[in-house]
Amino acid sequence: MYANKKDALNVTFKSFMSNNIRKHLPAGYNHLVKDWKALERWRDPRYLLDKIGEEFVEAIGYMK
């Protein structure tokens, strides 16, 4: 799909939509959420309990 890693890392949104999404091609995503505060906060069960209480939340692919 891309000539090299640099090209893949610099793909524009428009190009990605045209070349992957609209053609229903698989795509890998790396490091998109590495700066999200949630990644740190969600590790604390007290934080989640405070935010969602006793609601049922399904965890898909959860690994402990």
PDB file of N, CA and C in Angstrom:
ATOM      1  N   MET A   1       0.814  -1.183   0.000  1.00  0.00           N
ATOM      2  CA  MET A   1       0.000   0.000   0.000  1.00  0.00           C
ATOM      3  C   MET A   1       0.869   1.262   0.000  1.00  0.00           C
ATOM      4  N   TYR A   2       1.811   1.338   0.951  1.00  0.00           N
ATOM      5  CA  TYR A   2       2.703   2.491   1.010  1.00  0.00           C
ATOM      6  C   TYR A   2       4.109   2.042   0.646  1.00  0.00           C
ATOM      7  N   ALA A   3       4.866   2.935   0.034  1.00  0.00           N
ATOM      8  CA  ALA A   3       6.210   2.592  -0.434  1.00  0.00           C
ATOM      9  C   ALA A   3       7.160   2.290   0.710  1.00  0.00           C
ATOM     10  N   ASN A   4       6.963   2.984   1.844  1.00  0.00           N
ATOM     11  CA  ASN A   4       7.845   2.765   2.983  1.00  0.00           C
ATOM     12  C   ASN A   4       7.160   3.246   4.266  1.00  0.00           C
ATOM     13  N   LYS A   5       7.831   3.040   5.379  1.00  0.00           N
ATOM     14  CA  LYS A   5       7.260   3.397   6.674  1.00  0.00           C
ATOM     15  C   LYS A   5       7.002   4.903   6.777  1.00  0.00           C
ATOM     16  N   LYS A   6       7.914   5.695   6.251  1.00  0.00           N
ATOM     17  CA  LYS A   6       7.752   7.151   6.319  1.00  0.00           C
ATOM     18  C   LYS A   6       6.468   7.580   5.619  1.00  0.00           C
ATOM     19  N   ASP A   7       6.209   7.011   4.445  1.00  0.00           N
ATOM     20  CA  ASP A   7       4.980   7.345   3.718  1.00  0.00           C
ATOM     21  C   ASP A   7       3.738   6.949   4.522  1.00  0.00           C
ATOM     22  N   ALA A   8       3.803   5.785   5.132  1.00  0.00           N
ATOM     23  CA  ALA A   8       2.663   5.308   5.920  1.00  0.00           C
ATOM     24  C   ALA A   8       2.414   6.201   7.132  1.00  0.00           C
ATOM     25  N   LEU A   9       3.469   6.671   7.761  1.00  0.00           N
ATOM     26  CA  LEU A   9       3.322   7.519   8.938  1.00  0.00           C
ATOM     27  C   LEU A   9       2.833   8.924   8.597  1.00  0.00           C
ATOM     28  N   ASN A  10       3.025   9.339   7.365  1.00  0.00           N
ATOM     29  CA  ASN A  10       2.653  10.694   6.962  1.00  0.00           C
ATOM     30  C   ASN A  10       1.407  10.762   6.088  1.00  0.00           C
ATOM     31  N   VAL A  11       0.633   9.703   6.072  1.00  0.00           N
ATOM     32  CA  VAL A  11      -0.575   9.682   5.248  1.00  0.00           C
ATOM     33  C   VAL A  11      -1.573  10.722   5.763  1.00  0.00           C
ATOM     34  N   THR A  12      -2.235  11.387   4.848  1.00  0.00           N
ATOM     35  CA  THR A  12      -3.237  12.376   5.227  1.00  0.00           C
ATOM     36  C   THR A  12      -4.567  11.684   5.505  1.00  0.00           C
ATOM     37  N   PHE A  13      -5.427  12.378   6.211  1.00  0.00           N
ATOM     38  CA  PHE A  13      -6.755  11.846   6.497  1.00  0.00           C
ATOM     39  C   PHE A  13      -7.506  11.564   5.198  1.00  0.00           C
ATOM     40  N   LYS A  14      -7.452  12.505   4.272  1.00  0.00           N
ATOM     41  CA  LYS A  14      -8.152  12.358   2.990  1.00  0.00           C
ATOM     42  C   LYS A  14      -7.646  11.129   2.233  1.00  0.00           C
ATOM     43  N   SER A  15      -6.341  10.963   2.197  1.00  0.00           N
ATOM     44  CA  SER A  15      -5.757   9.810   1.517  1.00  0.00           C
ATOM     45  C   SER A  15      -6.141   8.507   2.210  1.00  0.00           C
ATOM     46  N   PHE A  16      -6.104   8.508   3.528  1.00  0.00           N
ATOM     47  CA  PHE A  16      -6.465   7.307   4.273  1.00  0.00           C
ATOM     48  C   PHE A  16      -7.920   6.924   4.002  1.00  0.00           C
ATOM     49  N   MET A  17      -8.800   7.916   4.004  1.00  0.00           N
ATOM     50  CA  MET A  17     -10.209   7.633   3.735  1.00  0.00           C
ATOM     51  C   MET A  17     -10.398   7.074   2.323  1.00  0.00           C
ATOM     52  N   SER A  18      -9.715   7.659   1.358  1.00  0.00           N
ATOM     53  CA  SER A  18      -9.850   7.223  -0.036  1.00  0.00           C
ATOM     54  C   SER A  18      -9.234   5.860  -0.295  1.00  0.00           C
ATOM     55  N   ASN A  19      -8.064   5.634   0.283  1.00  0.00           N
ATOM     56  CA  ASN A  19      -7.307   4.427  -0.039  1.00  0.00           C
ATOM     57  C   ASN A  19      -7.558   3.239   0.883  1.00  0.00           C
ATOM     58  N   ASN A  20      -8.096   3.462   2.052  1.00  0.00           N
ATOM     59  CA  ASN A  20      -8.332   2.355   2.976  1.00  0.00           C
ATOM     60  C   ASN A  20      -9.808   2.198   3.328  1.00  0.00           C
ATOM     61  N   ILE A  21     -10.363   3.215   3.921  1.00  0.00           N
ATOM     62  CA  ILE A  21     -11.726   3.107   4.439  1.00  0.00           C
ATOM     63  C   ILE A  21     -12.735   2.860   3.323  1.00  0.00           C
ATOM     64  N   ARG A  22     -12.727   3.640   2.296  1.00  0.00           N
ATOM     65  CA  ARG A  22     -13.717   3.489   1.215  1.00  0.00           C
ATOM     66  C   ARG A  22     -13.543   2.186   0.435  1.00  0.00           C
ATOM     67  N   LYS A  23     -12.345   1.635   0.455  1.00  0.00           N
ATOM     68  CA  LYS A  23     -12.091   0.364  -0.235  1.00  0.00           C
ATOM     69  C   LYS A  23     -12.217  -0.824   0.710  1.00  0.00           C
ATOM     70  N   HIS A  24     -12.585  -0.545   1.953  1.00  0.00           N
ATOM     71  CA  HIS A  24     -12.752  -1.591   2.973  1.00  0.00           C
ATOM     72  C   HIS A  24     -11.480  -2.411   3.168  1.00  0.00           C
ATOM     73  N   LEU A  25     -10.340  -1.736   3.128  1.00  0.00           N
ATOM     74  CA  LEU A  25      -9.070  -2.409   3.347  1.00  0.00           C
ATOM     75  C   LEU A  25      -8.687  -2.332   4.825  1.00  0.00           C
ATOM     76  N   PRO A  26      -8.063  -3.384   5.332  1.00  0.00           N
ATOM     77  CA  PRO A  26      -7.643  -3.347   6.735  1.00  0.00           C
ATOM     78  C   PRO A  26      -6.537  -2.314   6.939  1.00  0.00           C
ATOM     79  N   ALA A  27      -6.459  -1.832   8.150  1.00  0.00           N
ATOM     80  CA  ALA A  27      -5.428  -0.856   8.478  1.00  0.00           C
ATOM     81  C   ALA A  27      -4.998  -1.068   9.919  1.00  0.00           C
ATOM     82  N   GLY A  28      -3.749  -0.835  10.185  1.00  0.00           N
ATOM     83  CA  GLY A  28      -3.229  -0.924  11.545  1.00  0.00           C
ATOM     84  C   GLY A  28      -3.027   0.470  12.103  1.00  0.00           C
ATOM     85  N   TYR A  29      -3.280   0.612  13.379  1.00  0.00           N
ATOM     86  CA  TYR A  29      -3.118   1.905  14.037  1.00  0.00           C
ATOM     87  C   TYR A  29      -2.132   1.749  15.186  1.00  0.00           C
ATOM     88  N   ASN A  30      -1.116   2.557  15.203  1.00  0.00           N
ATOM     89  CA  ASN A  30      -0.126   2.514  16.276  1.00  0.00           C
ATOM     90  C   ASN A  30      -0.017   3.876  16.947  1.00  0.00           C
ATOM     91  N   HIS A  31       0.033   3.864  18.238  1.00  0.00           N
ATOM     92  CA  HIS A  31       0.324   5.051  19.045  1.00  0.00           C
ATOM     93  C   HIS A  31      -0.702   6.174  18.931  1.00  0.00           C
ATOM     94  N   LEU A  32      -1.924   5.869  18.555  1.00  0.00           N
ATOM     95  CA  LEU A  32      -2.925   6.918  18.416  1.00  0.00           C
ATOM     96  C   LEU A  32      -3.396   7.461  19.761  1.00  0.00           C
ATOM     97  N   VAL A  33      -3.343   6.647  20.783  1.00  0.00           N
ATOM     98  CA  VAL A  33      -3.872   7.058  22.082  1.00  0.00           C
ATOM     99  C   VAL A  33      -2.818   7.097  23.175  1.00  0.00           C
ATOM    100  N   LYS A  34      -1.572   7.066  22.804  1.00  0.00           N
ATOM    101  CA  LYS A  34      -0.505   6.971  23.814  1.00  0.00           C
ATOM    102  C   LYS A  34      -0.479   8.145  24.777  1.00  0.00           C
ATOM    103  N   ASP A  35      -1.029   9.291  24.409  1.00  0.00           N
ATOM    104  CA  ASP A  35      -1.028  10.460  25.274  1.00  0.00           C
ATOM    105  C   ASP A  35      -2.353  10.673  26.004  1.00  0.00           C
ATOM    106  N   TRP A  36      -3.288   9.753  25.858  1.00  0.00           N
ATOM    107  CA  TRP A  36      -4.580   9.901  26.523  1.00  0.00           C
ATOM    108  C   TRP A  36      -4.421   9.725  28.024  1.00  0.00           C
ATOM    109  N   LYS A  37      -4.958  10.658  28.781  1.00  0.00           N
ATOM    110  CA  LYS A  37      -4.914  10.566  30.239  1.00  0.00           C
ATOM    111  C   LYS A  37      -5.688   9.347  30.729  1.00  0.00           C
ATOM    112  N   ALA A  38      -6.683   8.928  29.958  1.00  0.00           N
ATOM    113  CA  ALA A  38      -7.510   7.788  30.349  1.00  0.00           C
ATOM    114  C   ALA A  38      -6.675   6.520  30.524  1.00  0.00           C
ATOM    115  N   LEU A  39      -5.636   6.361  29.762  1.00  0.00           N
ATOM    116  CA  LEU A  39      -4.813   5.155  29.875  1.00  0.00           C
ATOM    117  C   LEU A  39      -4.217   5.017  31.267  1.00  0.00           C
ATOM    118  N   GLU A  40      -3.919   6.122  31.890  1.00  0.00           N
ATOM    119  CA  GLU A  40      -3.388   6.089  33.260  1.00  0.00           C
ATOM    120  C   GLU A  40      -4.532   6.030  34.279  1.00  0.00           C
ATOM    121  N   ARG A  41      -5.540   6.848  34.073  1.00  0.00           N
ATOM    122  CA  ARG A  41      -6.647   6.933  35.026  1.00  0.00           C
ATOM    123  C   ARG A  41      -7.438   5.635  35.135  1.00  0.00           C
ATOM    124  N   TRP A  42      -7.656   4.965  34.029  1.00  0.00           N
ATOM    125  CA  TRP A  42      -8.504   3.774  34.030  1.00  0.00           C
ATOM    126  C   TRP A  42      -7.862   2.601  34.758  1.00  0.00           C
ATOM    127  N   ARG A  43      -6.615   2.687  35.069  1.00  0.00           N
ATOM    128  CA  ARG A  43      -5.953   1.606  35.818  1.00  0.00           C
ATOM    129  C   ARG A  43      -6.368   1.605  37.282  1.00  0.00           C
ATOM    130  N   ASP A  44      -6.907   2.716  37.730  1.00  0.00           N
ATOM    131  CA  ASP A  44      -7.327   2.845  39.128  1.00  0.00           C
ATOM    132  C   ASP A  44      -8.809   2.500  39.242  1.00  0.00           C
ATOM    133  N   PRO A  45      -9.139   1.356  39.857  1.00  0.00           N
ATOM    134  CA  PRO A  45     -10.545   0.950  39.971  1.00  0.00           C
ATOM    135  C   PRO A  45     -11.405   1.992  40.692  1.00  0.00           C
ATOM    136  N   ARG A  46     -10.835   2.744  41.618  1.00  0.00           N
ATOM    137  CA  ARG A  46     -11.597   3.773  42.332  1.00  0.00           C
ATOM    138  C   ARG A  46     -12.035   4.887  41.385  1.00  0.00           C
ATOM    139  N   TYR A  47     -11.189   5.228  40.434  1.00  0.00           N
ATOM    140  CA  TYR A  47     -11.536   6.256  39.444  1.00  0.00           C
ATOM    141  C   TYR A  47     -12.735   5.802  38.615  1.00  0.00           C
ATOM    142  N   LEU A  48     -12.669   4.556  38.136  1.00  0.00           N
ATOM    143  CA  LEU A  48     -13.773   4.034  37.322  1.00  0.00           C
ATOM    144  C   LEU A  48     -15.053   3.929  38.135  1.00  0.00           C
ATOM    145  N   LEU A  49     -14.943   3.486  39.372  1.00  0.00           N
ATOM    146  CA  LEU A  49     -16.119   3.371  40.222  1.00  0.00           C
ATOM    147  C   LEU A  49     -16.753   4.734  40.445  1.00  0.00           C
ATOM    148  N   ASP A  50     -15.932   5.744  40.639  1.00  0.00           N
ATOM    149  CA  ASP A  50     -16.433   7.106  40.826  1.00  0.00           C
ATOM    150  C   ASP A  50     -17.122   7.622  39.558  1.00  0.00           C
ATOM    151  N   LYS A  51     -16.584   7.281  38.394  1.00  0.00           N
ATOM    152  CA  LYS A  51     -17.117   7.797  37.135  1.00  0.00           C
ATOM    153  C   LYS A  51     -18.341   7.042  36.629  1.00  0.00           C
ATOM    154  N   ILE A  52     -18.342   5.717  36.762  1.00  0.00           N
ATOM    155  CA  ILE A  52     -19.444   4.940  36.183  1.00  0.00           C
ATOM    156  C   ILE A  52     -20.281   4.208  37.217  1.00  0.00           C
ATOM    157  N   GLY A  53     -19.837   4.215  38.453  1.00  0.00           N
ATOM    158  CA  GLY A  53     -20.612   3.567  39.515  1.00  0.00           C
ATOM    159  C   GLY A  53     -20.735   2.078  39.303  1.00  0.00           C
ATOM    160  N   GLU A  54     -21.941   1.583  39.436  1.00  0.00           N
ATOM    161  CA  GLU A  54     -22.185   0.140  39.345  1.00  0.00           C
ATOM    162  C   GLU A  54     -22.652  -0.300  37.960  1.00  0.00           C
ATOM    163  N   GLU A  55     -22.487   0.527  36.944  1.00  0.00           N
ATOM    164  CA  GLU A  55     -22.900   0.177  35.586  1.00  0.00           C
ATOM    165  C   GLU A  55     -22.077  -0.987  35.058  1.00  0.00           C
ATOM    166  N   PHE A  56     -22.706  -1.824  34.249  1.00  0.00           N
ATOM    167  CA  PHE A  56     -22.008  -2.937  33.605  1.00  0.00           C
ATOM    168  C   PHE A  56     -21.254  -2.410  32.386  1.00  0.00           C
ATOM    169  N   VAL A  57     -19.990  -2.730  32.310  1.00  0.00           N
ATOM    170  CA  VAL A  57     -19.157  -2.330  31.172  1.00  0.00           C
ATOM    171  C   VAL A  57     -18.457  -3.569  30.659  1.00  0.00           C
ATOM    172  N   GLU A  58     -18.647  -3.881  29.400  1.00  0.00           N
ATOM    173  CA  GLU A  58     -18.015  -5.058  28.809  1.00  0.00           C
ATOM    174  C   GLU A  58     -16.603  -4.704  28.375  1.00  0.00           C
ATOM    175  N   ALA A  59     -15.639  -5.503  28.794  1.00  0.00           N
ATOM    176  CA  ALA A  59     -14.246  -5.301  28.409  1.00  0.00           C
ATOM    177  C   ALA A  59     -13.869  -6.362  27.399  1.00  0.00           C
ATOM    178  N   ILE A  60     -13.639  -5.959  26.181  1.00  0.00           N
ATOM    179  CA  ILE A  60     -13.291  -6.888  25.112  1.00  0.00           C
ATOM    180  C   ILE A  60     -11.776  -6.893  24.954  1.00  0.00           C
ATOM    181  N   GLY A  61     -11.205  -8.073  24.962  1.00  0.00           N
ATOM    182  CA  GLY A  61      -9.751  -8.184  24.801  1.00  0.00           C
ATOM    183  C   GLY A  61      -8.986  -7.755  26.036  1.00  0.00           C
ATOM    184  N   TYR A  62      -9.640  -7.744  27.188  1.00  0.00           N
ATOM    185  CA  TYR A  62      -8.976  -7.338  28.424  1.00  0.00           C
ATOM    186  C   TYR A  62      -7.937  -8.361  28.809  1.00  0.00           C
ATOM    187  N   MET A  63      -6.754  -7.891  29.108  1.00  0.00           N
ATOM    188  CA  MET A  63      -5.665  -8.768  29.560  1.00  0.00           C
ATOM    189  C   MET A  63      -5.121  -8.220  30.849  1.00  0.00           C
ATOM    190  N   LYS A  64      -5.065  -9.033  31.858  1.00  0.00           N
ATOM    191  CA  LYS A  64      -4.574  -8.588  33.161  1.00  0.00           C
ATOM    192  C   LYS A  64      -3.114  -8.882  33.335  1.00  0.00           C
TER     193      LYS A  64
END
